[in-house]
C-alpha atoms as a PDB file:
ATOM      1  CA  MET A   1       0.115  -0.314   0.099  1.00  0.00           C
ATOM      2  CA  ALA A   2       0.939   3.410  -1.259  1.00  0.00           C
ATOM      3  CA  GLU A   3       1.985   5.362   1.812  1.00  0.00           C
ATOM      4  CA  VAL A   4       0.461   8.669   0.957  1.00  0.00           C
ATOM      5  CA  TYR A   5      -1.874   9.166  -2.379  1.00  0.00           C
ATOM      6  CA  ARG A   6      -4.453  11.355  -3.832  1.00  0.00           C
ATOM      7  CA  SER A   7      -7.875  11.146  -3.992  1.00  0.00           C
ATOM      8  CA  VAL A   8     -11.219  12.743  -3.904  1.00  0.00           C
ATOM      9  CA  TYR A   9     -13.138  13.233  -0.262  1.00  0.00           C
ATOM     10  CA  ARG A  10     -16.811  13.477  -1.146  1.00  0.00           C
ATOM     11  CA  THR A  11     -19.258  13.267  -4.017  1.00  0.00           C
ATOM     12  CA  SER A  12     -19.021  16.565  -6.180  1.00  0.00           C
ATOM     13  CA  SER A  13     -20.733  17.828  -9.228  1.00  0.00           C
ATOM     14  CA  ALA A  14     -20.862  20.154 -11.941  1.00  0.00           C
ATOM     15  CA  GLU A  15     -22.311  21.225 -15.495  1.00  0.00           C
ATOM     16  CA  ILE A  16     -21.264  22.751 -18.217  1.00  0.00           C
ATOM     17  CA  GLU A  17     -22.816  23.956 -21.624  1.00  0.00           C
ATOM     18  CA  GLU A  18     -20.972  23.954 -24.946  1.00  0.00           C
ATOM     19  CA  LYS A  19     -23.501  24.766 -28.041  1.00  0.00           C
ATOM     20  CA  LYS A  20     -26.677  23.580 -26.436  1.00  0.00           C
ATOM     21  CA  SER A  21     -25.265  20.385 -25.325  1.00  0.00           C
ATOM     22  CA  ARG A  22     -25.579  19.844 -21.551  1.00  0.00           C
ATOM     23  CA  PHE A  23     -22.204  18.324 -19.958  1.00  0.00           C
ATOM     24  CA  ILE A  24     -23.178  16.931 -16.038  1.00  0.00           C
ATOM     25  CA  ALA A  25     -19.865  15.235 -14.120  1.00  0.00           C
ATOM     26  CA  THR A  26     -20.062  13.615 -10.937  1.00  0.00           C
ATOM     27  CA  VAL A  27     -16.997  12.761  -9.275  1.00  0.00           C
ATOM     28  CA  GLN A  28     -16.855   9.795  -6.272  1.00  0.00           C
ATOM     29  CA  ALA A  29     -14.219   8.149  -3.692  1.00  0.00           C
ATOM     30  CA  VAL A  30     -14.453   4.199  -4.838  1.00  0.00           C
ATOM     31  CA  LYS A  31     -12.793   1.753  -3.359  1.00  0.00           C
ATOM     32  CA  ASP A  32     -12.679  -0.655  -5.782  1.00  0.00           C
ATOM     33  CA  LYS A  33     -14.108  -1.934  -9.219  1.00  0.00           C
ATOM     34  CA  GLU A  34     -17.436  -3.274  -7.847  1.00  0.00           C
ATOM     35  CA  GLU A  35     -18.167   0.189  -6.184  1.00  0.00           C
ATOM     36  CA  ALA A  36     -17.173   2.417  -9.379  1.00  0.00           C
ATOM     37  CA  GLU A  37     -19.468   0.096 -11.694  1.00  0.00           C
ATOM     38  CA  ALA A  38     -21.871   0.494  -9.118  1.00  0.00           C
ATOM     39  CA  PHE A  39     -21.572   4.565  -9.123  1.00  0.00           C
ATOM     40  CA  ILE A  40     -21.917   4.224 -12.925  1.00  0.00           C
ATOM     41  CA  ALA A  41     -25.372   2.451 -12.851  1.00  0.00           C
ATOM     42  CA  ALA A  42     -26.313   4.708 -10.114  1.00  0.00           C
ATOM     43  CA  CYS A  43     -25.303   7.886 -12.442  1.00  0.00           C
ATOM     44  CA  LYS A  44     -27.333   5.647 -15.966  1.00  0.00           C
ATOM     45  CA  LYS A  45     -30.403   5.781 -13.265  1.00  0.00           C
ATOM     46  CA  LYS A  46     -30.110   9.112 -12.239  1.00  0.00           C
ATOM     47  CA  TYR A  47     -30.040  10.083 -15.774  1.00  0.00           C
ATOM     48  CA  PRO A  48     -32.095   7.457 -18.180  1.00  0.00           C
ATOM     49  CA  ASP A  49     -32.929  10.118 -20.839  1.00  0.00           C
ATOM     50  CA  ALA A  50     -29.454  11.325 -21.876  1.00  0.00           C
ATOM     51  CA  ARG A  51     -27.726  10.201 -24.725  1.00  0.00           C
ATOM     52  CA  HIS A  52     -24.512   9.038 -23.423  1.00  0.00           C
ATOM     53  CA  ASN A  53     -23.402   8.633 -19.616  1.00  0.00           C
ATOM     54  CA  CYS A  54     -19.625   8.480 -20.062  1.00  0.00           C
ATOM     55  CA  SER A  55     -17.144   7.298 -17.543  1.00  0.00           C
ATOM     56  CA  ALA A  56     -13.378   6.844 -16.289  1.00  0.00           C
ATOM     57  CA  TYR A  57     -11.776   5.437 -12.856  1.00  0.00           C
ATOM     58  CA  ILE A  58      -8.901   4.622 -11.105  1.00  0.00           C
ATOM     59  CA  LEU A  59      -8.029   2.167  -8.801  1.00  0.00           C
ATOM     60  CA  GLY A  60      -5.346   1.345  -6.190  1.00  0.00           C
ATOM     61  CA  GLU A  61      -3.294   3.242  -4.296  1.00  0.00           C
ATOM     62  CA  ASP A  62      -0.839   2.919  -6.909  1.00  0.00           C
ATOM     63  CA  GLY A  63      -2.974   3.926  -9.557  1.00  0.00           C
ATOM     64  CA  GLN A  64      -2.345   0.880 -11.212  1.00  0.00           C
ATOM     65  CA  ILE A  65      -6.290  -0.313 -12.241  1.00  0.00           C
ATOM     66  CA  GLU A  66      -7.589   2.339 -15.102  1.00  0.00           C
ATOM     67  CA  HIS A  67     -11.015   2.029 -17.196  1.00  0.00           C
ATOM     68  CA  SER A  68     -13.054   4.351 -19.451  1.00  0.00           C
ATOM     69  CA  SER A  69     -15.731   3.863 -21.730  1.00  0.00           C
ATOM     70  CA  ASP A  70     -17.069   6.177 -24.613  1.00  0.00           C
ATOM     71  CA  ASP A  71     -20.784   5.305 -24.412  1.00  0.00           C
ATOM     72  CA  GLY A  72     -21.518   5.526 -27.569  1.00  0.00           C
ATOM     73  CA  GLU A  73     -19.710   8.368 -28.529  1.00  0.00           C
ATOM     74  CA  PRO A  74     -16.587   8.496 -31.029  1.00  0.00           C
ATOM     75  CA  ALA A  75     -13.816   6.334 -29.817  1.00  0.00           C
ATOM     76  CA  GLY A  76     -11.016   8.322 -27.435  1.00  0.00           C
ATOM     77  CA  THR A  77     -13.208  11.320 -27.293  1.00  0.00           C
ATOM     78  CA  ALA A  78     -14.972  10.625 -23.886  1.00  0.00           C
ATOM     79  CA  GLY A  79     -13.278   8.136 -22.042  1.00  0.00           C
ATOM     80  CA  LYS A  80      -9.979   8.569 -22.672  1.00  0.00           C
ATOM     81  CA  PRO A  81      -9.636  12.804 -22.409  1.00  0.00           C
ATOM     82  CA  MET A  82     -11.772  11.941 -18.719  1.00  0.00           C
ATOM     83  CA  LEU A  83      -8.738   9.319 -17.578  1.00  0.00           C
ATOM     84  CA  GLU A  84      -6.427  11.855 -18.325  1.00  0.00           C
ATOM     85  CA  VAL A  85      -7.861  14.587 -15.982  1.00  0.00           C
ATOM     86  CA  LEU A  86      -7.601  12.022 -13.374  1.00  0.00           C
ATOM     87  CA  ARG A  87      -4.177  10.815 -14.616  1.00  0.00           C
ATOM     88  CA  GLY A  88      -3.311  14.395 -14.554  1.00  0.00           C
ATOM     89  CA  GLU A  89      -4.337  15.329 -10.766  1.00  0.00           C
ATOM     90  CA  LYS A  90      -2.685  12.642  -9.832  1.00  0.00           C
ATOM     91  CA  LEU A  91      -5.936  10.321  -7.917  1.00  0.00           C
ATOM     92  CA  THR A  92      -6.705   7.158  -7.307  1.00  0.00           C
ATOM     93  CA  ASN A  93      -9.748   5.150  -5.666  1.00  0.00           C
ATOM     94  CA  VAL A  94     -11.832   7.899  -7.775  1.00  0.00           C
ATOM     95  CA  ALA A  95     -14.402   7.543 -10.301  1.00  0.00           C
ATOM     96  CA  ALA A  96     -15.940  10.460 -12.912  1.00  0.00           C
ATOM     97  CA  VAL A  97     -18.957  10.177 -14.976  1.00  0.00           C
ATOM     98  CA  VAL A  98     -19.857  12.624 -17.336  1.00  0.00           C
ATOM     99  CA  THR A  99     -23.894  13.047 -18.737  1.00  0.00           C
ATOM    100  CA  ARG A 100     -24.018  14.633 -21.852  1.00  0.00           C
ATOM    101  CA  TYR A 101     -27.896  15.874 -22.774  1.00  0.00           C
ATOM    102  CA  PHE A 102     -27.277  16.393 -27.134  1.00  0.00           C
ATOM    103  CA  GLY A 103     -28.019  19.785 -27.570  1.00  0.00           C
ATOM    104  CA  GLY A 104     -28.718  19.101 -31.109  1.00  0.00           C
ATOM    105  CA  ILE A 105     -25.638  20.549 -32.590  1.00  0.00           C
ATOM    106  CA  LEU A 106     -22.625  18.159 -33.529  1.00  0.00           C
ATOM    107  CA  LEU A 107     -19.202  19.521 -31.761  1.00  0.00           C
ATOM    108  CA  GLY A 108     -16.282  17.264 -33.473  1.00  0.00           C
ATOM    109  CA  THR A 109     -13.575  15.745 -32.511  1.00  0.00           C
ATOM    110  CA  GLY A 110     -11.618  17.704 -30.966  1.00  0.00           C
ATOM    111  CA  GLY A 111     -14.671  19.998 -29.604  1.00  0.00           C
ATOM    112  CA  LEU A 112     -15.804  16.548 -27.681  1.00  0.00           C
ATOM    113  CA  VAL A 113     -12.440  16.334 -26.278  1.00  0.00           C
ATOM    114  CA  ARG A 114     -12.210  19.619 -24.818  1.00  0.00           C
ATOM    115  CA  ALA A 115     -16.401  19.234 -23.523  1.00  0.00           C
ATOM    116  CA  TYR A 116     -15.620  16.189 -21.730  1.00  0.00           C
ATOM    117  CA  THR A 117     -12.110  17.179 -20.371  1.00  0.00           C
ATOM    118  CA  GLN A 118     -13.390  20.798 -19.079  1.00  0.00           C
ATOM    119  CA  ALA A 119     -16.701  18.939 -17.768  1.00  0.00           C
ATOM    120  CA  VAL A 120     -14.186  16.608 -15.086  1.00  0.00           C
ATOM    121  CA  LYS A 121     -11.805  19.303 -14.136  1.00  0.00           C
ATOM    122  CA  ALA A 122     -15.585  21.275 -13.069  1.00  0.00           C
ATOM    123  CA  GLY A 123     -16.586  18.166 -11.571  1.00  0.00           C
ATOM    124  CA  LEU A 124     -13.289  18.529  -9.610  1.00  0.00           C
ATOM    125  CA  ALA A 125     -13.185  21.535  -8.557  1.00  0.00           C
ATOM    126  CA  ALA A 126     -16.492  21.342  -7.186  1.00  0.00           C
ATOM    127  CA  GLY A 127     -15.413  19.337  -4.567  1.00  0.00           C
ATOM    128  CA  ASP A 128     -12.225  18.528  -2.142  1.00  0.00           C
ATOM    129  CA  ILE A 129      -9.213  17.086  -3.416  1.00  0.00           C
ATOM    130  CA  ILE A 130      -7.498  15.451  -0.694  1.00  0.00           C
ATOM    131  CA  GLN A 131      -4.442  13.683   0.871  1.00  0.00           C
ATOM    132  CA  ARG A 132      -4.902  10.263   1.872  1.00  0.00           C
ATOM    133  CA  VAL A 133      -2.058   9.159   4.630  1.00  0.00           C
ATOM    134  CA  LYS A 134      -0.705   6.119   5.993  1.00  0.00           C
ATOM    135  CA  GLY A 135       0.639   6.966   9.068  1.00  0.00           C
ATOM    136  CA  GLY A 136       0.295   6.936  13.132  1.00  0.00           C
ATOM    137  CA  ARG A 137      -1.690   8.193  15.579  1.00  0.00           C
ATOM    138  CA  LEU A 138       0.290   9.183  19.325  1.00  0.00           C
ATOM    139  CA  SER A 139       0.038  10.068  22.668  1.00  0.00           C
ATOM    140  CA  PHE A 140       1.968  11.438  25.082  1.00  0.00           C
ATOM    141  CA  HIS A 141       2.569  13.704  28.379  1.00  0.00           C
ATOM    142  CA  VAL A 142       4.729  17.032  28.723  1.00  0.00           C
ATOM    143  CA  PRO A 143       5.146  19.149  31.888  1.00  0.00           C
ATOM    144  CA  TYR A 144       3.497  22.796  31.308  1.00  0.00           C
ATOM    145  CA  THR A 145       7.195  23.914  30.942  1.00  0.00           C
ATOM    146  CA  ASP A 146       7.563  21.876  27.616  1.00  0.00           C
ATOM    147  CA  VAL A 147       4.668  22.944  26.170  1.00  0.00           C
ATOM    148  CA  GLY A 148       5.870  25.734  24.609  1.00  0.00           C
ATOM    149  CA  LYS A 149       8.768  23.758  23.206  1.00  0.00           C
ATOM    150  CA  ILE A 150       6.739  20.795  22.267  1.00  0.00           C
ATOM    151  CA  GLN A 151       4.362  23.113  20.176  1.00  0.00           C
ATOM    152  CA  TYR A 152       7.434  24.540  18.219  1.00  0.00           C
ATOM    153  CA  PHE A 153       9.018  21.482  17.431  1.00  0.00           C
ATOM    154  CA  ILE A 154       6.004  20.276  15.820  1.00  0.00           C
ATOM    155  CA  ARG A 155       4.955  23.393  13.921  1.00  0.00           C
ATOM    156  CA  GLN A 156       8.222  23.834  12.972  1.00  0.00           C
ATOM    157  CA  ASN A 157       8.391  20.065  11.597  1.00  0.00           C
ATOM    158  CA  GLU A 158       4.483  20.781   9.784  1.00  0.00           C
ATOM    159  CA  PHE A 159       3.841  17.380  12.058  1.00  0.00           C
ATOM    160  CA  ILE A 160      -0.001  17.392  12.731  1.00  0.00           C
ATOM    161  CA  LEU A 161      -0.925  18.528  16.918  1.00  0.00           C
ATOM    162  CA  LEU A 162      -4.628  16.681  16.578  1.00  0.00           C
ATOM    163  CA  ASP A 163      -5.450  17.222  20.698  1.00  0.00           C
ATOM    164  CA  THR A 164      -3.580  19.168  23.648  1.00  0.00           C
ATOM    165  CA  VAL A 165      -5.216  18.624  27.382  1.00  0.00           C
ATOM    166  CA  TYR A 166      -4.446  20.146  30.112  1.00  0.00           C
ATOM    167  CA  GLU A 167      -4.318  17.863  32.843  1.00  0.00           C
ATOM    168  CA  ALA A 168      -1.707  17.524  36.147  1.00  0.00           C
ATOM    169  CA  ASP A 169       0.342  17.751  32.893  1.00  0.00           C
ATOM    170  CA  VAL A 170      -0.319  18.437  29.688  1.00  0.00           C
ATOM    171  CA  LYS A 171      -1.179  15.383  27.062  1.00  0.00           C
ATOM    172  CA  CYS A 172      -0.357  15.443  23.416  1.00  0.00           C
ATOM    173  CA  GLU A 173      -1.790  13.690  20.192  1.00  0.00           C
ATOM    174  CA  VAL A 174      -0.264  14.006  17.079  1.00  0.00           C
ATOM    175  CA  LEU A 175      -0.704  12.588  13.830  1.00  0.00           C
ATOM    176  CA  ILE A 176       2.395  11.330  12.063  1.00  0.00           C
ATOM    177  CA  PRO A 177       2.754  10.196   8.105  1.00  0.00           C
ATOM    178  CA  ALA A 178       4.280   6.227   8.336  1.00  0.00           C
ATOM    179  CA  THR A 179       7.177   7.770   6.457  1.00  0.00           C
ATOM    180  CA  ARG A 180       8.030   9.818   9.259  1.00  0.00           C
ATOM    181  CA  LEU A 181       7.677   8.416  12.274  1.00  0.00           C
ATOM    182  CA  THR A 182      11.078   7.197  12.909  1.00  0.00           C
ATOM    183  CA  GLU A 183      12.187  10.531  12.619  1.00  0.00           C
ATOM    184  CA  PHE A 184       9.629  12.090  14.678  1.00  0.00           C
ATOM    185  CA  SER A 185      10.992   9.523  17.781  1.00  0.00           C
ATOM    186  CA  LYS A 186      14.734  10.524  17.072  1.00  0.00           C
ATOM    187  CA  GLY A 187      13.460  14.411  16.991  1.00  0.00           C
ATOM    188  CA  LEU A 188      11.680  14.117  20.180  1.00  0.00           C
ATOM    189  CA  THR A 189      14.481  12.295  22.087  1.00  0.00           C
ATOM    190  CA  GLU A 190      17.438  15.013  21.053  1.00  0.00           C
ATOM    191  CA  ALA A 191      14.563  18.149  21.344  1.00  0.00           C
ATOM    192  CA  PHE A 192      13.727  16.703  25.222  1.00  0.00           C
ATOM    193  CA  SER A 193      16.966  15.019  26.269  1.00  0.00           C
ATOM    194  CA  GLY A 194      14.771  11.818  26.796  1.00  0.00           C
ATOM    195  CA  ARG A 195      12.273  13.315  29.031  1.00  0.00           C
ATOM    196  CA  ILE A 196       9.182  12.183  26.741  1.00  0.00           C
ATOM    197  CA  GLU A 197       7.836   9.171  25.598  1.00  0.00           C
ATOM    198  CA  ILE A 198       5.388   7.983  23.719  1.00  0.00           C
ATOM    199  CA  GLU A 199       3.150   5.992  25.561  1.00  0.00           C
ATOM    200  CA  GLU A 200       0.517   5.524  23.123  1.00  0.00           C
ATOM    201  CA  LYS A 201       0.702   4.834  19.086  1.00  0.00           C
ATOM    202  CA  LYS A 202      -2.009   3.629  16.510  1.00  0.00           C
ATOM    203  CA  GLU A 203      -1.842   2.985  12.961  1.00  0.00           C
ATOM    204  CA  VAL A 204      -4.637   5.323  11.093  1.00  0.00           C
ATOM    205  CA  LEU A 205      -5.092   5.830   7.955  1.00  0.00           C
ATOM    206  CA  TYR A 206      -6.020   9.718   7.316  1.00  0.00           C
ATOM    207  CA  SER A 207      -7.457  12.534   4.828  1.00  0.00           C
ATOM    208  CA  VAL A 208      -5.655  15.762   5.050  1.00  0.00           C
ATOM    209  CA  GLY A 209      -7.306  18.780   2.425  1.00  0.00           C
ATOM    210  CA  GLU A 210      -5.233  21.246   0.972  1.00  0.00           C
ATOM    211  CA  ASP A 211      -5.315  23.589   3.257  1.00  0.00           C
ATOM    212  CA  GLY A 212      -4.115  20.776   5.718  1.00  0.00           C
ATOM    213  CA  GLU A 213      -6.708  20.105   7.913  1.00  0.00           C
ATOM    214  CA  VAL A 214      -7.643  16.992   8.693  1.00  0.00           C
ATOM    215  CA  LEU A 215     -11.067  15.163   7.256  1.00  0.00           C
ATOM    216  CA  GLU A 216     -11.001  12.267   8.557  1.00  0.00           C
ATOM    217  CA  MET A 217      -9.431   9.261  10.494  1.00  0.00           C
ATOM    218  CA  ILE A 218      -9.588   5.080  10.103  1.00  0.00           C
ATOM    219  CA  GLU A 219      -8.163   3.070  12.722  1.00  0.00           C
END
């Protein structure tokens, strides 16, 4: 499993118009082929009168599974450009469907490629692109005299301080990417001369938005 990969957080949608044809993009996080195919089927059911429901998805933490469908559009004008957008954003475990209501004017090959590309970009822009990170949730206690120092240490190293509980002493909980766990432990020991020991460590998969906010955690 990749230690860090990019995906989307929640279902998002957007609509664009090109020469009276409507293109409705729906984007959703999916965990496997079955979920991706179910999502595509749900979009087709939602828009049963649409001319086309073209789709693309990428699966696996390393993006090793790819699929696209033109759903009746000229070959290579819909599913492939949709897939290229997902690739360009380096996303995985994500599926996109673009529903087209034909407006009566032919767009040509280039026009279709542009329309399906822009639709998926709009769908992504309407939602949240996140990083899913394999890491550890660590907790430890520090004396009040070390609170400022530990906060500075966490901030300077761009670790994530989840919680600070003030009791007889101060309990801190931090999120550390798996790739930096050794670095954190070593840095903590050096900065505090071994006075602080990690008391609990849980393996977690957490999601971080583009602004650095932790959106979800799975233990």
